[in-house]
Amino acid sequence: MCCLLVLVIITILTLKKKKPIFLLQIAHRFQKVEDDDSKLWDAFVSFKEENNQFVYQNLYPKLEKQLGFKLCIHHKDFLPGKAITSNILDAIANSRRTIMIISRDYLQGGYTTFEYEVAHAEMINTKSKHKIIPIFLDKFENCQGLMDDTLKCIVQSVTYITWPGETNQGAVDTFWKRLALSMPKKSKKDRSDLRENSSLLRRSMM
């Protein structure tokens, strides 16, 4: 009985941190539509300049160009002449998600610290209506020692995703499925557009 109890606890903890795709699909099916809240963007992307390649060559083309999610990215959406901190506050307040692109560079400080602190406060103030999606470019173990208390709290309270690199296409496909199912649920029309774009994407990958 003790061994069975330990196994159940381990299984629950594992599922909590790395939910199977089918559980994400079930949760997404019963999730409420989120694009009727007057928010400008589906997600604000928090990242360091050193990770521009991943954002502009992988994340942005996939989520916005192919799947139709609206992303807020510093270089294209921040208002010139406005204080960076004010731009960050407005961007997060007007986004349904905050996607954090975490690497060792990301954890070196600067505006990224302010961004995830604001996102965390927004998640708390909105009772988790604003959700945070951490994406690790480097292995979690290599980043853990560089995290401050706020980031540790975020990672412990939400499910994170790890970018597998581009050598294993199956792992890459699973990564994008997980990320898409973590994004805001669209209205019926937008879901139709999303399915059409997804079908085109799948055909292009064959």
N, C-alpha and C. Protein backbone atom coordinates (compact mmCIF):
# COMPACT_ATOMS: atom_id res chain seq x y z
N MET A 1 0.83 -1.21 0.00
CA MET A 1 0.00 0.00 0.00
C MET A 1 0.86 1.26 0.00
N CYS A 2 1.94 1.21 0.78
CA CYS A 2 2.82 2.38 0.84
C CYS A 2 3.46 2.65 -0.53
N CYS A 3 3.89 1.57 -1.20
CA CYS A 3 4.50 1.73 -2.52
C CYS A 3 3.49 2.28 -3.52
N LEU A 4 2.24 1.81 -3.42
CA LEU A 4 1.19 2.28 -4.31
C LEU A 4 0.91 3.75 -4.08
N LEU A 5 0.87 4.16 -2.81
CA LEU A 5 0.62 5.56 -2.46
C LEU A 5 1.73 6.45 -3.01
N VAL A 6 2.98 6.02 -2.85
CA VAL A 6 4.13 6.79 -3.37
C VAL A 6 4.03 6.92 -4.88
N LEU A 7 3.66 5.84 -5.56
CA LEU A 7 3.53 5.85 -7.01
C LEU A 7 2.45 6.81 -7.47
N VAL A 8 1.32 6.82 -6.75
CA VAL A 8 0.23 7.74 -7.09
C VAL A 8 0.67 9.19 -6.93
N ILE A 9 1.36 9.48 -5.82
CA ILE A 9 1.82 10.85 -5.57
C ILE A 9 2.80 11.30 -6.65
N ILE A 10 3.74 10.42 -7.01
CA ILE A 10 4.72 10.75 -8.06
C ILE A 10 4.01 10.99 -9.38
N THR A 11 3.02 10.15 -9.69
CA THR A 11 2.27 10.30 -10.94
C THR A 11 1.53 11.62 -10.98
N ILE A 12 0.89 11.99 -9.88
CA ILE A 12 0.15 13.26 -9.82
C ILE A 12 1.08 14.44 -10.01
N LEU A 13 2.23 14.41 -9.33
CA LEU A 13 3.19 15.51 -9.46
C LEU A 13 3.74 15.60 -10.88
N THR A 14 3.99 14.44 -11.49
CA THR A 14 4.51 14.42 -12.86
C THR A 14 3.49 14.99 -13.83
N LEU A 15 2.23 14.57 -13.69
CA LEU A 15 1.18 15.07 -14.58
C LEU A 15 0.95 16.56 -14.39
N LYS A 16 1.13 17.03 -13.15
CA LYS A 16 0.93 18.46 -12.88
C LYS A 16 1.96 19.29 -13.61
N LYS A 17 3.23 18.83 -13.64
CA LYS A 17 4.29 19.61 -14.25
C LYS A 17 4.44 19.35 -15.75
N LYS A 18 4.01 18.16 -16.19
CA LYS A 18 4.12 17.85 -17.61
C LYS A 18 2.87 17.13 -18.06
N LYS A 19 1.82 17.89 -18.26
CA LYS A 19 0.52 17.30 -18.58
C LYS A 19 0.56 16.65 -19.96
N PRO A 20 0.00 15.42 -20.07
CA PRO A 20 -0.08 14.77 -21.38
C PRO A 20 -0.93 15.59 -22.34
N ILE A 21 -0.66 15.45 -23.63
CA ILE A 21 -1.38 16.21 -24.65
C ILE A 21 -2.88 16.00 -24.54
N PHE A 22 -3.31 14.75 -24.29
CA PHE A 22 -4.76 14.49 -24.27
C PHE A 22 -5.45 15.24 -23.13
N LEU A 23 -4.75 15.44 -21.99
CA LEU A 23 -5.34 16.22 -20.90
C LEU A 23 -5.44 17.69 -21.28
N LEU A 24 -4.42 18.19 -21.97
CA LEU A 24 -4.47 19.58 -22.44
C LEU A 24 -5.60 19.78 -23.44
N GLN A 25 -5.81 18.78 -24.31
CA GLN A 25 -6.89 18.87 -25.29
C GLN A 25 -8.26 18.88 -24.63
N ILE A 26 -8.43 18.04 -23.60
CA ILE A 26 -9.69 18.02 -22.86
C ILE A 26 -9.93 19.34 -22.16
N ALA A 27 -8.90 19.86 -21.49
CA ALA A 27 -9.02 21.14 -20.81
C ALA A 27 -9.35 22.26 -21.79
N HIS A 28 -8.71 22.23 -22.96
CA HIS A 28 -8.94 23.26 -23.97
C HIS A 28 -10.37 23.19 -24.50
N ARG A 29 -10.92 21.98 -24.63
CA ARG A 29 -12.28 21.82 -25.15
C ARG A 29 -13.30 22.51 -24.25
N PHE A 30 -13.09 22.41 -22.94
CA PHE A 30 -14.05 22.98 -21.98
C PHE A 30 -13.65 24.39 -21.52
N GLN A 31 -12.57 24.90 -22.06
CA GLN A 31 -12.11 26.25 -21.72
C GLN A 31 -13.02 27.30 -22.35
N LYS A 32 -13.21 28.39 -21.65
CA LYS A 32 -14.04 29.48 -22.17
C LYS A 32 -13.29 30.25 -23.25
N VAL A 33 -14.05 30.81 -24.19
CA VAL A 33 -13.45 31.67 -25.22
C VAL A 33 -12.85 32.90 -24.54
N GLU A 34 -11.67 33.30 -24.98
CA GLU A 34 -10.97 34.40 -24.31
C GLU A 34 -10.76 35.63 -25.19
N ASP A 35 -11.27 35.61 -26.42
CA ASP A 35 -11.00 36.75 -27.29
C ASP A 35 -12.14 37.76 -27.29
N ASP A 36 -12.97 37.75 -26.24
CA ASP A 36 -14.07 38.71 -26.14
C ASP A 36 -13.86 39.67 -24.97
N ASP A 37 -12.60 39.86 -24.58
CA ASP A 37 -12.29 40.64 -23.39
C ASP A 37 -11.63 41.99 -23.70
N SER A 38 -11.64 42.37 -24.96
CA SER A 38 -11.08 43.66 -25.43
C SER A 38 -9.56 43.76 -25.31
N LYS A 39 -8.89 42.66 -25.00
CA LYS A 39 -7.43 42.68 -24.96
C LYS A 39 -6.88 42.83 -26.38
N LEU A 40 -5.76 43.52 -26.51
CA LEU A 40 -5.17 43.76 -27.82
C LEU A 40 -4.40 42.56 -28.34
N TRP A 41 -3.78 41.79 -27.43
CA TRP A 41 -2.91 40.69 -27.86
C TRP A 41 -3.24 39.39 -27.14
N ASP A 42 -2.92 38.30 -27.80
CA ASP A 42 -3.06 36.99 -27.15
C ASP A 42 -1.91 36.73 -26.19
N ALA A 43 -0.74 37.26 -26.50
CA ALA A 43 0.40 37.04 -25.61
C ALA A 43 1.46 38.12 -25.78
N PHE A 44 2.05 38.50 -24.66
CA PHE A 44 3.24 39.34 -24.65
C PHE A 44 4.44 38.42 -24.55
N VAL A 45 5.45 38.65 -25.38
CA VAL A 45 6.63 37.79 -25.39
C VAL A 45 7.78 38.50 -24.67
N SER A 46 8.21 37.91 -23.57
CA SER A 46 9.32 38.44 -22.78
C SER A 46 10.58 37.64 -23.12
N PHE A 47 11.60 38.33 -23.64
CA PHE A 47 12.82 37.63 -24.05
C PHE A 47 14.00 38.58 -24.08
N LYS A 48 15.19 38.00 -24.08
CA LYS A 48 16.42 38.77 -24.19
C LYS A 48 16.84 38.85 -25.65
N GLU A 49 17.54 39.90 -25.99
CA GLU A 49 17.98 40.11 -27.37
C GLU A 49 18.81 38.93 -27.88
N GLU A 50 19.53 38.27 -26.98
CA GLU A 50 20.36 37.13 -27.38
C GLU A 50 19.52 35.97 -27.94
N ASN A 51 18.22 35.99 -27.65
CA ASN A 51 17.33 34.92 -28.12
C ASN A 51 16.42 35.38 -29.25
N ASN A 52 16.83 36.46 -29.95
CA ASN A 52 16.07 36.97 -31.09
C ASN A 52 15.81 35.89 -32.14
N GLN A 53 16.80 35.05 -32.38
CA GLN A 53 16.69 34.06 -33.44
C GLN A 53 15.51 33.12 -33.19
N PHE A 54 15.38 32.62 -31.96
CA PHE A 54 14.27 31.73 -31.65
C PHE A 54 12.93 32.45 -31.80
N VAL A 55 12.86 33.68 -31.29
CA VAL A 55 11.59 34.42 -31.34
C VAL A 55 11.17 34.73 -32.77
N TYR A 56 12.11 35.25 -33.58
CA TYR A 56 11.75 35.71 -34.91
C TYR A 56 11.77 34.63 -35.98
N GLN A 57 12.52 33.58 -35.75
CA GLN A 57 12.58 32.51 -36.76
C GLN A 57 11.71 31.30 -36.41
N ASN A 58 11.34 31.16 -35.14
CA ASN A 58 10.54 30.01 -34.73
C ASN A 58 9.19 30.41 -34.13
N LEU A 59 9.22 31.15 -33.03
CA LEU A 59 8.00 31.45 -32.29
C LEU A 59 7.03 32.33 -33.06
N TYR A 60 7.51 33.48 -33.53
CA TYR A 60 6.63 34.42 -34.23
C TYR A 60 6.04 33.85 -35.52
N PRO A 61 6.83 33.22 -36.39
CA PRO A 61 6.25 32.64 -37.60
C PRO A 61 5.20 31.57 -37.30
N LYS A 62 5.45 30.75 -36.27
CA LYS A 62 4.52 29.67 -35.95
C LYS A 62 3.22 30.20 -35.33
N LEU A 63 3.35 30.98 -34.25
CA LEU A 63 2.16 31.39 -33.51
C LEU A 63 1.34 32.46 -34.23
N GLU A 64 2.02 33.47 -34.77
CA GLU A 64 1.25 34.57 -35.37
C GLU A 64 0.99 34.34 -36.86
N LYS A 65 1.99 34.00 -37.62
CA LYS A 65 1.83 33.88 -39.06
C LYS A 65 1.06 32.62 -39.47
N GLN A 66 1.26 31.51 -38.75
CA GLN A 66 0.63 30.25 -39.14
C GLN A 66 -0.62 29.93 -38.33
N LEU A 67 -0.59 30.21 -37.02
CA LEU A 67 -1.72 29.84 -36.18
C LEU A 67 -2.64 31.01 -35.83
N GLY A 68 -2.27 32.21 -36.19
CA GLY A 68 -3.18 33.34 -36.06
C GLY A 68 -3.28 33.99 -34.70
N PHE A 69 -2.35 33.70 -33.78
CA PHE A 69 -2.35 34.37 -32.49
C PHE A 69 -1.64 35.72 -32.62
N LYS A 70 -2.16 36.71 -31.90
CA LYS A 70 -1.57 38.05 -31.95
C LYS A 70 -0.55 38.20 -30.82
N LEU A 71 0.71 38.43 -31.22
CA LEU A 71 1.79 38.55 -30.24
C LEU A 71 2.24 39.99 -30.10
N CYS A 72 2.51 40.37 -28.86
CA CYS A 72 3.10 41.69 -28.58
C CYS A 72 4.60 41.48 -28.39
N ILE A 73 5.38 42.07 -29.29
CA ILE A 73 6.84 41.95 -29.25
C ILE A 73 7.44 43.35 -29.22
N HIS A 74 8.43 43.52 -28.36
CA HIS A 74 9.02 44.85 -28.13
C HIS A 74 9.22 45.66 -29.41
N HIS A 75 9.99 45.09 -30.32
CA HIS A 75 10.47 45.87 -31.46
C HIS A 75 9.36 46.31 -32.41
N LYS A 76 8.26 45.58 -32.45
CA LYS A 76 7.20 45.95 -33.38
C LYS A 76 6.00 46.62 -32.72
N ASP A 77 5.85 46.48 -31.39
CA ASP A 77 4.62 46.96 -30.75
C ASP A 77 4.83 48.02 -29.67
N PHE A 78 6.03 48.19 -29.16
CA PHE A 78 6.25 49.23 -28.16
C PHE A 78 6.23 50.59 -28.83
N LEU A 79 5.60 51.56 -28.17
CA LEU A 79 5.47 52.90 -28.73
C LEU A 79 6.77 53.69 -28.57
N PRO A 80 7.33 54.22 -29.67
CA PRO A 80 8.55 55.03 -29.58
C PRO A 80 8.31 56.27 -28.71
N GLY A 81 9.31 56.63 -27.93
CA GLY A 81 9.22 57.82 -27.10
C GLY A 81 8.55 57.58 -25.76
N LYS A 82 7.95 56.41 -25.58
CA LYS A 82 7.29 56.08 -24.31
C LYS A 82 8.27 55.32 -23.43
N ALA A 83 8.24 55.55 -22.15
CA ALA A 83 9.15 54.86 -21.23
C ALA A 83 9.00 53.35 -21.37
N ILE A 84 10.12 52.64 -21.36
CA ILE A 84 10.08 51.19 -21.54
C ILE A 84 9.22 50.53 -20.47
N THR A 85 9.36 51.00 -19.22
CA THR A 85 8.56 50.40 -18.15
C THR A 85 7.07 50.59 -18.39
N SER A 86 6.68 51.75 -18.91
CA SER A 86 5.27 52.00 -19.21
C SER A 86 4.80 51.11 -20.36
N ASN A 87 5.65 50.94 -21.37
CA ASN A 87 5.33 50.04 -22.47
C ASN A 87 5.11 48.61 -21.97
N ILE A 88 5.96 48.18 -21.06
CA ILE A 88 5.85 46.82 -20.51
C ILE A 88 4.56 46.66 -19.72
N LEU A 89 4.26 47.62 -18.86
CA LEU A 89 3.04 47.57 -18.06
C LEU A 89 1.80 47.49 -18.95
N ASP A 90 1.75 48.34 -19.98
CA ASP A 90 0.61 48.36 -20.88
C ASP A 90 0.51 47.07 -21.70
N ALA A 91 1.65 46.56 -22.14
CA ALA A 91 1.68 45.35 -22.96
C ALA A 91 1.14 44.15 -22.18
N ILE A 92 1.58 43.99 -20.96
CA ILE A 92 1.14 42.85 -20.16
C ILE A 92 -0.33 42.99 -19.76
N ALA A 93 -0.74 44.21 -19.42
CA ALA A 93 -2.14 44.44 -19.04
C ALA A 93 -3.09 44.19 -20.21
N ASN A 94 -2.59 44.36 -21.43
CA ASN A 94 -3.43 44.19 -22.62
C ASN A 94 -3.18 42.87 -23.34
N SER A 95 -2.56 41.91 -22.64
CA SER A 95 -2.30 40.59 -23.21
C SER A 95 -2.94 39.51 -22.34
N ARG A 96 -3.37 38.44 -22.97
CA ARG A 96 -4.01 37.33 -22.24
C ARG A 96 -2.98 36.37 -21.65
N ARG A 97 -1.80 36.36 -22.21
CA ARG A 97 -0.72 35.50 -21.74
C ARG A 97 0.57 36.30 -21.72
N THR A 98 1.52 35.82 -20.95
CA THR A 98 2.91 36.26 -21.06
C THR A 98 3.74 35.02 -21.34
N ILE A 99 4.42 35.01 -22.48
CA ILE A 99 5.33 33.92 -22.84
C ILE A 99 6.74 34.35 -22.46
N MET A 100 7.36 33.61 -21.58
CA MET A 100 8.72 33.92 -21.14
C MET A 100 9.70 32.98 -21.84
N ILE A 101 10.61 33.55 -22.60
CA ILE A 101 11.64 32.76 -23.29
C ILE A 101 12.86 32.73 -22.39
N ILE A 102 12.98 31.66 -21.60
CA ILE A 102 13.98 31.61 -20.54
C ILE A 102 15.26 30.90 -21.00
N SER A 103 16.35 31.59 -20.83
CA SER A 103 17.68 31.05 -21.10
C SER A 103 18.62 31.59 -20.03
N ARG A 104 19.85 31.18 -20.06
CA ARG A 104 20.81 31.74 -19.10
C ARG A 104 20.98 33.24 -19.32
N ASP A 105 20.90 33.68 -20.57
CA ASP A 105 20.97 35.12 -20.86
C ASP A 105 19.78 35.85 -20.26
N TYR A 106 18.60 35.24 -20.36
CA TYR A 106 17.37 35.85 -19.83
C TYR A 106 17.48 36.12 -18.32
N LEU A 107 18.23 35.26 -17.64
CA LEU A 107 18.31 35.31 -16.19
C LEU A 107 19.41 36.23 -15.68
N GLN A 108 20.06 36.95 -16.59
CA GLN A 108 21.15 37.84 -16.19
C GLN A 108 20.65 39.20 -15.69
N GLY A 109 19.33 39.39 -15.68
CA GLY A 109 18.78 40.65 -15.18
C GLY A 109 18.43 41.61 -16.29
N GLY A 110 18.07 42.84 -15.89
CA GLY A 110 17.64 43.84 -16.87
C GLY A 110 16.12 43.92 -16.90
N TYR A 111 15.56 44.35 -18.03
CA TYR A 111 14.12 44.54 -18.12
C TYR A 111 13.34 43.24 -18.05
N THR A 112 13.97 42.12 -18.37
CA THR A 112 13.24 40.85 -18.30
C THR A 112 12.78 40.56 -16.86
N THR A 113 13.59 40.95 -15.88
CA THR A 113 13.20 40.77 -14.48
C THR A 113 11.94 41.56 -14.19
N PHE A 114 11.90 42.80 -14.64
CA PHE A 114 10.71 43.64 -14.45
C PHE A 114 9.51 43.02 -15.16
N GLU A 115 9.73 42.46 -16.34
CA GLU A 115 8.64 41.88 -17.13
C GLU A 115 8.00 40.70 -16.42
N TYR A 116 8.81 39.76 -15.92
CA TYR A 116 8.16 38.62 -15.27
C TYR A 116 7.61 38.97 -13.88
N GLU A 117 8.16 40.00 -13.24
CA GLU A 117 7.57 40.46 -11.99
C GLU A 117 6.19 41.06 -12.23
N VAL A 118 6.07 41.86 -13.29
CA VAL A 118 4.77 42.46 -13.64
C VAL A 118 3.79 41.38 -14.06
N ALA A 119 4.24 40.41 -14.86
CA ALA A 119 3.37 39.32 -15.30
C ALA A 119 2.87 38.51 -14.11
N HIS A 120 3.76 38.26 -13.16
CA HIS A 120 3.38 37.51 -11.96
C HIS A 120 2.33 38.27 -11.17
N ALA A 121 2.53 39.58 -11.01
CA ALA A 121 1.55 40.41 -10.30
C ALA A 121 0.21 40.41 -11.03
N GLU A 122 0.26 40.47 -12.37
CA GLU A 122 -0.97 40.46 -13.17
C GLU A 122 -1.70 39.13 -13.01
N MET A 123 -0.95 38.03 -12.98
CA MET A 123 -1.55 36.71 -12.79
C MET A 123 -2.25 36.63 -11.44
N ILE A 124 -1.62 37.18 -10.41
CA ILE A 124 -2.21 37.16 -9.07
C ILE A 124 -3.44 38.08 -9.01
N ASN A 125 -3.30 39.29 -9.55
CA ASN A 125 -4.39 40.27 -9.47
C ASN A 125 -5.63 39.85 -10.25
N THR A 126 -5.42 39.10 -11.33
CA THR A 126 -6.55 38.66 -12.15
C THR A 126 -6.99 37.25 -11.78
N LYS A 127 -6.48 36.72 -10.68
CA LYS A 127 -6.82 35.37 -10.20
C LYS A 127 -6.58 34.33 -11.28
N SER A 128 -5.39 34.43 -11.86
CA SER A 128 -4.88 33.48 -12.89
C SER A 128 -5.59 33.60 -14.23
N LYS A 129 -6.38 34.64 -14.45
CA LYS A 129 -6.96 34.85 -15.78
C LYS A 129 -5.85 35.18 -16.77
N HIS A 130 -4.89 36.01 -16.32
CA HIS A 130 -3.68 36.23 -17.11
C HIS A 130 -2.73 35.09 -16.78
N LYS A 131 -2.36 34.32 -17.79
CA LYS A 131 -1.54 33.13 -17.56
C LYS A 131 -0.12 33.35 -18.09
N ILE A 132 0.82 32.67 -17.45
CA ILE A 132 2.23 32.76 -17.84
C ILE A 132 2.66 31.42 -18.43
N ILE A 133 3.35 31.48 -19.57
CA ILE A 133 3.86 30.27 -20.22
C ILE A 133 5.39 30.37 -20.28
N PRO A 134 6.09 29.70 -19.37
CA PRO A 134 7.56 29.71 -19.43
C PRO A 134 8.05 28.70 -20.47
N ILE A 135 8.93 29.15 -21.36
CA ILE A 135 9.58 28.27 -22.33
C ILE A 135 11.08 28.30 -22.06
N PHE A 136 11.65 27.15 -21.75
CA PHE A 136 13.08 27.07 -21.48
C PHE A 136 13.83 26.71 -22.76
N LEU A 137 14.75 27.58 -23.15
CA LEU A 137 15.64 27.27 -24.27
C LEU A 137 16.83 26.44 -23.80
N ASP A 138 17.28 26.71 -22.59
CA ASP A 138 18.33 25.91 -21.97
C ASP A 138 17.68 24.91 -21.01
N LYS A 139 18.40 23.87 -20.65
CA LYS A 139 17.86 22.88 -19.73
C LYS A 139 17.50 23.54 -18.40
N PHE A 140 16.38 23.11 -17.83
CA PHE A 140 15.91 23.66 -16.56
C PHE A 140 17.01 23.59 -15.49
N GLU A 141 17.72 22.47 -15.45
CA GLU A 141 18.76 22.29 -14.43
C GLU A 141 19.88 23.33 -14.56
N ASN A 142 20.13 23.79 -15.79
CA ASN A 142 21.19 24.78 -16.02
C ASN A 142 20.75 26.20 -15.66
N CYS A 143 19.45 26.39 -15.50
CA CYS A 143 18.91 27.72 -15.20
C CYS A 143 18.49 27.86 -13.74
N GLN A 144 18.23 26.74 -13.10
CA GLN A 144 17.63 26.75 -11.77
C GLN A 144 18.41 27.60 -10.77
N GLY A 145 19.72 27.47 -10.77
CA GLY A 145 20.53 28.21 -9.80
C GLY A 145 20.57 29.71 -10.04
N LEU A 146 20.12 30.16 -11.20
CA LEU A 146 20.16 31.59 -11.53
C LEU A 146 18.81 32.29 -11.29
N MET A 147 17.80 31.52 -10.91
CA MET A 147 16.46 32.09 -10.73
C MET A 147 16.32 32.79 -9.39
N ASP A 148 15.62 33.93 -9.39
CA ASP A 148 15.30 34.58 -8.12
C ASP A 148 14.00 33.99 -7.57
N ASP A 149 13.56 34.48 -6.42
CA ASP A 149 12.40 33.90 -5.75
C ASP A 149 11.12 34.04 -6.58
N THR A 150 10.96 35.18 -7.27
CA THR A 150 9.75 35.39 -8.06
C THR A 150 9.67 34.38 -9.20
N LEU A 151 10.78 34.20 -9.89
CA LEU A 151 10.78 33.27 -11.02
C LEU A 151 10.61 31.83 -10.55
N LYS A 152 11.22 31.49 -9.43
CA LYS A 152 11.02 30.15 -8.87
C LYS A 152 9.56 29.92 -8.54
N CYS A 153 8.90 30.93 -8.00
CA CYS A 153 7.48 30.83 -7.66
C CYS A 153 6.64 30.62 -8.92
N ILE A 154 6.97 31.34 -9.98
CA ILE A 154 6.24 31.19 -11.24
C ILE A 154 6.38 29.78 -11.78
N VAL A 155 7.63 29.30 -11.85
CA VAL A 155 7.91 27.99 -12.44
C VAL A 155 7.29 26.86 -11.61
N GLN A 156 7.20 27.07 -10.29
CA GLN A 156 6.60 26.06 -9.42
C GLN A 156 5.08 26.04 -9.51
N SER A 157 4.49 27.16 -9.95
CA SER A 157 3.03 27.25 -9.94
C SER A 157 2.38 27.01 -11.30
N VAL A 158 3.17 27.01 -12.38
CA VAL A 158 2.61 26.78 -13.71
C VAL A 158 3.45 25.72 -14.43
N THR A 159 2.87 25.16 -15.49
CA THR A 159 3.58 24.15 -16.27
C THR A 159 4.47 24.83 -17.30
N TYR A 160 5.74 24.48 -17.30
CA TYR A 160 6.67 25.06 -18.27
C TYR A 160 6.89 24.09 -19.42
N ILE A 161 7.42 24.64 -20.53
CA ILE A 161 7.72 23.84 -21.73
C ILE A 161 9.20 24.02 -22.05
N THR A 162 9.84 22.96 -22.51
CA THR A 162 11.24 23.05 -22.90
C THR A 162 11.38 22.89 -24.41
N TRP A 163 12.05 23.82 -25.05
CA TRP A 163 12.30 23.76 -26.48
C TRP A 163 13.28 22.62 -26.75
N PRO A 164 12.90 21.63 -27.58
CA PRO A 164 13.75 20.45 -27.77
C PRO A 164 14.86 20.64 -28.80
N GLY A 165 14.92 21.81 -29.44
CA GLY A 165 15.83 21.95 -30.56
C GLY A 165 15.17 21.41 -31.81
N GLU A 166 15.86 21.43 -32.92
CA GLU A 166 15.21 21.06 -34.18
C GLU A 166 15.73 19.75 -34.76
N THR A 167 16.38 18.94 -33.94
CA THR A 167 16.92 17.68 -34.46
C THR A 167 15.89 16.56 -34.44
N ASN A 168 14.90 16.65 -33.55
CA ASN A 168 13.87 15.62 -33.42
C ASN A 168 12.53 16.22 -33.81
N GLN A 169 12.04 15.91 -35.02
CA GLN A 169 10.82 16.53 -35.52
C GLN A 169 9.60 16.15 -34.68
N GLY A 170 9.58 14.91 -34.17
CA GLY A 170 8.46 14.50 -33.32
C GLY A 170 8.38 15.34 -32.06
N ALA A 171 9.53 15.60 -31.43
CA ALA A 171 9.57 16.41 -30.22
C ALA A 171 9.18 17.85 -30.52
N VAL A 172 9.59 18.35 -31.68
CA VAL A 172 9.23 19.71 -32.09
C VAL A 172 7.72 19.83 -32.29
N ASP A 173 7.12 18.84 -32.96
CA ASP A 173 5.67 18.86 -33.18
C ASP A 173 4.92 18.84 -31.85
N THR A 174 5.40 18.03 -30.91
CA THR A 174 4.77 17.97 -29.59
C THR A 174 4.90 19.30 -28.86
N PHE A 175 6.06 19.93 -28.98
CA PHE A 175 6.27 21.24 -28.37
C PHE A 175 5.23 22.25 -28.85
N TRP A 176 5.04 22.32 -30.19
CA TRP A 176 4.11 23.31 -30.73
C TRP A 176 2.67 22.99 -30.35
N LYS A 177 2.33 21.70 -30.26
CA LYS A 177 0.98 21.32 -29.83
C LYS A 177 0.73 21.78 -28.40
N ARG A 178 1.72 21.54 -27.53
CA ARG A 178 1.59 21.97 -26.13
C ARG A 178 1.42 23.48 -26.04
N LEU A 179 2.23 24.19 -26.79
CA LEU A 179 2.18 25.65 -26.73
C LEU A 179 0.85 26.17 -27.27
N ALA A 180 0.39 25.63 -28.40
CA ALA A 180 -0.88 26.08 -28.99
C ALA A 180 -2.04 25.83 -28.04
N LEU A 181 -2.03 24.69 -27.34
CA LEU A 181 -3.11 24.37 -26.40
C LEU A 181 -3.04 25.20 -25.13
N SER A 182 -1.90 25.85 -24.89
CA SER A 182 -1.75 26.73 -23.73
C SER A 182 -2.14 28.17 -24.05
N MET A 183 -2.33 28.45 -25.32
CA MET A 183 -2.70 29.80 -25.75
C MET A 183 -4.20 30.03 -25.56
N PRO A 184 -4.66 31.28 -25.64
CA PRO A 184 -6.09 31.57 -25.44
C PRO A 184 -6.98 30.85 -26.45
N LYS A 185 -8.13 30.42 -25.97
CA LYS A 185 -9.11 29.78 -26.86
C LYS A 185 -9.83 30.85 -27.66
N LYS A 186 -9.96 30.61 -28.96
CA LYS A 186 -10.55 31.59 -29.87
C LYS A 186 -12.04 31.34 -30.05
N SER A 187 -12.73 32.34 -30.57
CA SER A 187 -14.15 32.21 -30.90
C SER A 187 -14.30 31.24 -32.07
N LYS A 188 -15.54 30.89 -32.41
CA LYS A 188 -15.79 29.88 -33.44
C LYS A 188 -15.13 30.25 -34.76
N LYS A 189 -15.25 31.50 -35.18
CA LYS A 189 -14.66 31.93 -36.45
C LYS A 189 -13.14 31.80 -36.39
N ASP A 190 -12.57 32.25 -35.29
CA ASP A 190 -11.11 32.19 -35.17
C ASP A 190 -10.62 30.76 -35.08
N ARG A 191 -11.43 29.88 -34.45
CA ARG A 191 -11.04 28.48 -34.38
C ARG A 191 -11.03 27.85 -35.77
N SER A 192 -11.99 28.28 -36.63
CA SER A 192 -12.02 27.76 -38.00
C SER A 192 -10.77 28.19 -38.75
N ASP A 193 -10.40 29.46 -38.57
CA ASP A 193 -9.19 29.96 -39.20
C ASP A 193 -7.97 29.21 -38.67
N LEU A 194 -7.98 28.92 -37.33
CA LEU A 194 -6.87 28.23 -36.72
C LEU A 194 -6.73 26.82 -37.28
N ARG A 195 -7.86 26.11 -37.45
CA ARG A 195 -7.81 24.76 -38.00
C ARG A 195 -7.32 24.79 -39.44
N GLU A 196 -7.77 25.80 -40.20
CA GLU A 196 -7.33 25.90 -41.60
C GLU A 196 -5.84 26.14 -41.68
N ASN A 197 -5.35 27.06 -40.84
CA ASN A 197 -3.92 27.34 -40.82
C ASN A 197 -3.12 26.13 -40.37
N SER A 198 -3.67 25.39 -39.38
CA SER A 198 -2.98 24.20 -38.89
C SER A 198 -2.91 23.13 -39.97
N SER A 199 -4.00 22.99 -40.77
CA SER A 199 -4.01 22.01 -41.84
C SER A 199 -2.98 22.36 -42.90
N LEU A 200 -2.90 23.65 -43.22
CA LEU A 200 -1.91 24.10 -44.19
C LEU A 200 -0.50 23.84 -43.67
N LEU A 201 -0.32 24.06 -42.36
CA LEU A 201 0.99 23.84 -41.75
C LEU A 201 1.38 22.38 -41.81
N ARG A 202 0.43 21.49 -41.48
CA ARG A 202 0.72 20.07 -41.50
C ARG A 202 1.08 19.60 -42.93
N ARG A 203 0.33 20.12 -43.93
CA ARG A 203 0.61 19.72 -45.30
C ARG A 203 1.98 20.21 -45.73
N SER A 204 2.36 21.40 -45.27
CA SER A 204 3.65 21.96 -45.67
C SER A 204 4.81 21.20 -45.04
N MET A 205 4.53 20.47 -43.93
CA MET A 205 5.58 19.74 -43.23
C MET A 205 5.73 18.33 -43.77
N MET A 206 4.81 17.89 -44.62
CA MET A 206 4.87 16.53 -45.18
C MET A 206 5.91 16.43 -46.30
